[in-house]
C-alpha cells in the first residue's frame, strides 16, 4: 500500500461507484442503438461470434450482445446483480476484442474493448462496493438469517 495516499483508502467504495456508474451509463448509451436497431443490426453485431467458430443464429447472438450492453450497463450503474452484469459485459468485450484482433485490426481498434475486459474482470472480483443495491440486499438477507452460530474451539 502506498503510505502517501493511505488517506484515500476510506474512499474505495466511492471509487467503485464512480467506475460502475460511469461505465454503466456509457454502456447503456452504446447498447441502446443496438437494441433499437432491430434484426438487421443484431445480425451484423452477432456475426462477431463467428471468430469462435459459432456460425449459427447471428441474430440471437447480436441481440444478446445488445442486451448485455444496455441492460448490463443499467444493472452495473445501479449496482444490482453487479457481478453477473460485469460477467455479461466481460464476455461481450472478449468477443469484441477477439474479433478485432483476429480481423487484423490495429491496436487502436482492439485496445478499447480489451481495456474493458480488464475493467469488467476487476469489477467481477471486487464487487460493486457498499453504495449499491447489492450491498443493501446482502445486509437485508444476512439480517434475516439470524445470529451466527457459536464458534467451536
Foldseek 3Di string as FASTA:
>chain_A
DDVVPVVCVVCPLVVLLCLLQVQLVVLLVVLVCLQPVPQVSQLVLLCLCCLVVDDPDSSVSSNLLSCLSNVLSVCSNQQHPVLVSLVSLLVSLVSQLSSCVVVVHDCVRNVVSVVSNVVSVVCNVVPRHCNHVVVVVVVVVVVVVDDDDDDDD
